[in-house]
């Protein structure tokens, strides 16, 4: 089984003397549908931001698997869209622009956009979107990228029950058909959603432990 990422005695935070989380030892495999549970402020976001290379580690080590590329979906509440970008333009931000020809959505990309339910809001400015719509846009943008390891930070907070179900099924489909690895961090999760995950972890004090049950 191929590894998506692995940590060995990883210590994270902003000061080695006062780590947020310490001695993290875990392995996530390609194709895993994993979640990390923990209260607000427990270090979940710091952990994925460290693995994503956004902030440096304090000590220890982590490695990515061969040919693993990362995309991270942040909490929509922390996003600021000051520029007058439409939903379609945000979805295409990762594409290469030309002075002579703007990128266009491919037919495969349009399928994902339709499945996730944002086809009708493509012309809207992102600042005109509701919280749930914006959350779907950010998730869709990550799925449209070439990344095969996707971190999602509290991705279901703004979604209603039906939207949560739709997004979960899309994520499972991405895993099954494209062998992507999905790693979700959240402070709360319903029991019926918890059963969807193949791997479950939780923050326990200064450590991360796998939930075996």
Protein backbone atom coordinates (compact mmCIF):
# COMPACT_ATOMS: atom_id res chain seq x y z
CA UNK A 1 0.00 0.00 0.00
CA UNK A 2 1.41 3.38 -1.03
CA UNK A 3 1.86 6.12 1.53
CA UNK A 4 0.23 9.53 1.17
CA UNK A 5 2.17 11.00 4.11
CA UNK A 6 3.91 9.79 7.23
CA UNK A 7 5.08 11.54 10.40
CA UNK A 8 7.81 10.46 12.80
CA UNK A 9 8.05 12.14 16.21
CA UNK A 10 6.71 15.30 14.60
CA UNK A 11 6.44 18.34 16.82
CA UNK A 12 4.37 21.29 15.59
CA UNK A 13 3.74 24.82 16.77
CA UNK A 14 5.51 28.14 16.70
CA UNK A 15 8.00 27.60 19.53
CA UNK A 16 9.92 24.37 20.21
CA UNK A 17 9.70 25.03 23.94
CA UNK A 18 5.91 25.12 23.86
CA UNK A 19 4.68 22.71 21.17
CA UNK A 20 1.02 22.65 20.25
CA UNK A 21 1.25 18.95 19.40
CA UNK A 22 4.19 16.66 20.07
CA UNK A 23 5.55 13.23 19.07
CA UNK A 24 3.05 12.70 16.27
CA UNK A 25 3.52 9.29 14.67
CA UNK A 26 1.02 8.31 12.02
CA UNK A 27 0.78 7.00 8.49
CA UNK A 28 -1.96 7.88 6.03
CA UNK A 29 -2.13 5.77 2.89
CA UNK A 30 -3.17 6.75 -0.60
CA UNK A 31 -6.88 6.14 -1.00
CA UNK A 32 -7.69 6.71 2.68
CA UNK A 33 -10.78 8.67 3.66
CA UNK A 34 -9.53 10.03 6.98
CA UNK A 35 -10.68 12.50 9.60
CA UNK A 36 -9.00 14.21 12.54
CA UNK A 37 -11.26 15.15 15.44
CA UNK A 38 -10.41 17.74 18.04
CA UNK A 39 -11.79 20.76 19.82
CA UNK A 40 -11.30 24.27 18.51
CA UNK A 41 -7.74 25.42 19.22
CA UNK A 42 -6.41 21.90 19.72
CA UNK A 43 -3.90 22.13 16.85
CA UNK A 44 -5.75 20.43 14.00
CA UNK A 45 -5.29 23.27 11.54
CA UNK A 46 -1.67 23.76 12.57
CA UNK A 47 -1.06 20.07 11.86
CA UNK A 48 -2.38 20.13 8.28
CA UNK A 49 -0.76 23.49 7.59
CA UNK A 50 2.56 21.95 8.66
CA UNK A 51 2.11 18.87 6.43
CA UNK A 52 1.11 21.21 3.58
CA UNK A 53 4.34 23.19 4.03
CA UNK A 54 2.57 26.43 4.93
CA UNK A 55 4.28 26.67 8.32
CA UNK A 56 7.57 25.04 9.37
CA UNK A 57 7.76 22.08 11.74
CA UNK A 58 9.36 22.47 15.16
CA UNK A 59 11.13 19.10 15.20
CA UNK A 60 10.76 15.51 14.10
CA UNK A 61 9.98 14.66 10.50
CA UNK A 62 7.26 14.05 7.95
CA UNK A 63 7.44 12.72 4.42
CA UNK A 64 5.08 12.71 1.46
CA UNK A 65 4.58 9.65 -0.67
CA UNK A 66 5.91 9.40 -4.20
CA UNK A 67 4.17 11.76 -6.64
CA UNK A 68 1.85 13.09 -3.93
CA UNK A 69 0.61 16.63 -4.49
CA UNK A 70 -1.40 18.61 -1.94
CA UNK A 71 -4.44 20.85 -2.05
CA UNK A 72 -5.90 22.45 1.06
CA UNK A 73 -9.44 23.71 1.48
CA UNK A 74 -9.44 26.31 4.27
CA UNK A 75 -12.39 27.35 6.39
CA UNK A 76 -14.47 29.67 4.24
CA UNK A 77 -14.87 32.00 7.24
CA UNK A 78 -11.15 32.78 7.04
CA UNK A 79 -11.20 33.59 3.34
CA UNK A 80 -11.32 37.18 2.15
CA UNK A 81 -12.38 37.91 -1.39
CA UNK A 82 -11.67 41.58 -1.97
CA UNK A 83 -11.29 41.28 -5.72
CA UNK A 84 -14.33 41.16 -8.04
CA UNK A 85 -13.87 37.53 -9.08
CA UNK A 86 -16.71 35.36 -10.29
CA UNK A 87 -17.19 31.80 -9.10
CA UNK A 88 -15.99 30.50 -12.48
CA UNK A 89 -12.84 32.64 -12.30
CA UNK A 90 -12.06 31.32 -8.81
CA UNK A 91 -12.44 27.75 -10.05
CA UNK A 92 -9.99 28.49 -12.87
CA UNK A 93 -7.35 30.26 -10.76
CA UNK A 94 -5.07 27.23 -10.86
CA UNK A 95 -5.20 27.07 -14.66
CA UNK A 96 -2.61 28.72 -16.91
CA UNK A 97 -3.69 32.06 -18.31
CA UNK A 98 -2.70 33.36 -21.72
CA UNK A 99 -2.79 36.93 -22.96
CA UNK A 100 -4.64 35.68 -26.00
CA UNK A 101 -6.97 33.04 -24.60
CA UNK A 102 -8.58 32.59 -21.21
CA UNK A 103 -8.85 29.05 -19.81
CA UNK A 104 -12.21 27.34 -20.00
CA UNK A 105 -13.80 24.63 -17.91
CA UNK A 106 -13.41 21.17 -19.41
CA UNK A 107 -16.30 18.76 -19.77
CA UNK A 108 -14.92 16.64 -16.89
CA UNK A 109 -14.68 19.71 -14.69
CA UNK A 110 -18.24 20.69 -15.57
CA UNK A 111 -19.45 17.27 -14.38
CA UNK A 112 -17.96 17.84 -10.89
CA UNK A 113 -19.36 21.37 -10.79
CA UNK A 114 -22.83 20.09 -11.66
CA UNK A 115 -22.64 17.24 -9.15
CA UNK A 116 -21.61 19.54 -6.31
CA UNK A 117 -24.45 21.90 -7.19
CA UNK A 118 -22.79 25.19 -8.15
CA UNK A 119 -23.43 25.19 -11.90
CA UNK A 120 -26.05 27.94 -11.62
CA UNK A 121 -23.84 30.33 -9.63
CA UNK A 122 -20.80 30.37 -11.94
CA UNK A 123 -21.47 33.99 -13.04
CA UNK A 124 -21.88 35.27 -9.47
CA UNK A 125 -19.16 37.23 -7.71
CA UNK A 126 -17.81 35.12 -4.86
CA UNK A 127 -18.58 37.91 -2.40
CA UNK A 128 -22.23 37.53 -3.39
CA UNK A 129 -22.30 33.85 -2.44
CA UNK A 130 -23.80 32.48 0.74
CA UNK A 131 -21.59 30.59 3.19
CA UNK A 132 -22.81 27.23 1.91
CA UNK A 133 -22.27 28.20 -1.72
CA UNK A 134 -18.78 29.48 -1.01
CA UNK A 135 -17.91 26.28 0.86
CA UNK A 136 -18.96 24.23 -2.16
CA UNK A 137 -16.91 26.49 -4.47
CA UNK A 138 -13.76 25.95 -2.39
CA UNK A 139 -14.29 22.18 -2.30
CA UNK A 140 -14.94 22.05 -6.03
CA UNK A 141 -11.83 24.11 -6.78
CA UNK A 142 -9.72 21.62 -4.86
CA UNK A 143 -11.28 18.65 -6.64
CA UNK A 144 -10.65 20.30 -10.02
CA UNK A 145 -6.94 20.53 -9.27
CA UNK A 146 -4.42 17.79 -9.98
CA UNK A 147 -3.80 17.26 -6.26
CA UNK A 148 -4.18 13.70 -4.98
CA UNK A 149 -3.95 14.54 -1.26
CA UNK A 150 -6.69 16.94 -0.20
CA UNK A 151 -6.97 18.48 3.26
CA UNK A 152 -10.33 19.99 4.17
CA UNK A 153 -10.67 22.23 7.23
CA UNK A 154 -14.21 22.05 8.70
CA UNK A 155 -15.71 21.51 5.23
CA UNK A 156 -19.28 20.78 6.35
CA UNK A 157 -19.87 23.69 8.75
CA UNK A 158 -21.96 25.79 6.36
CA UNK A 159 -23.71 22.93 4.55
CA UNK A 160 -27.21 21.62 5.14
CA UNK A 161 -27.92 17.90 5.56
CA UNK A 162 -28.55 17.21 1.88
CA UNK A 163 -25.43 19.12 0.78
CA UNK A 164 -23.31 17.22 3.31
CA UNK A 165 -24.53 13.95 1.82
CA UNK A 166 -23.85 15.11 -1.75
CA UNK A 167 -20.33 16.33 -0.92
CA UNK A 168 -19.50 13.13 1.00
CA UNK A 169 -20.56 10.97 -1.96
CA UNK A 170 -18.46 13.09 -4.34
CA UNK A 171 -15.41 12.75 -2.09
CA UNK A 172 -15.89 8.97 -1.89
CA UNK A 173 -16.20 8.84 -5.67
CA UNK A 174 -12.91 10.77 -6.07
CA UNK A 175 -11.22 8.23 -3.79
CA UNK A 176 -12.66 5.22 -5.58
CA UNK A 177 -12.13 6.39 -9.16
CA UNK A 178 -8.93 8.44 -8.82
CA UNK A 179 -7.34 6.95 -5.67
CA UNK A 180 -7.20 10.38 -4.06
CA UNK A 181 -6.57 10.73 -0.34
CA UNK A 182 -9.06 12.85 1.58
CA UNK A 183 -8.14 14.13 5.06
CA UNK A 184 -10.81 16.12 6.90
CA UNK A 185 -10.31 18.01 10.15
CA UNK A 186 -13.32 18.91 12.25
CA UNK A 187 -14.35 19.73 15.81
CA UNK A 188 -17.67 17.90 15.54
CA UNK A 189 -19.00 15.04 13.51
CA UNK A 190 -22.30 13.18 13.50
CA UNK A 191 -22.19 9.42 14.15
CA UNK A 192 -23.66 8.56 10.77
CA UNK A 193 -20.96 10.61 9.01
CA UNK A 194 -18.19 9.18 11.20
CA UNK A 195 -18.97 5.71 9.85
CA UNK A 196 -18.05 6.86 6.33
CA UNK A 197 -14.34 7.18 7.14
CA UNK A 198 -11.81 4.41 6.66
CA UNK A 199 -9.40 6.03 9.15
CA UNK A 200 -10.21 8.13 12.19
CA UNK A 201 -7.81 10.12 14.37
CA UNK A 202 -8.30 12.39 17.37
CA UNK A 203 -6.29 14.98 19.25
CA UNK A 204 -5.55 13.64 22.72
CA UNK A 205 -3.70 16.19 24.82
CA UNK A 206 -0.47 16.95 22.97
CA UNK A 207 -0.73 13.88 20.76
CA UNK A 208 -2.72 12.51 17.84
CA UNK A 209 -4.05 8.98 18.26
CA UNK A 210 -5.90 6.71 15.88
CA UNK A 211 -9.42 5.67 16.83
CA UNK A 212 -9.52 1.93 16.33
CA UNK A 213 -13.22 1.29 17.00
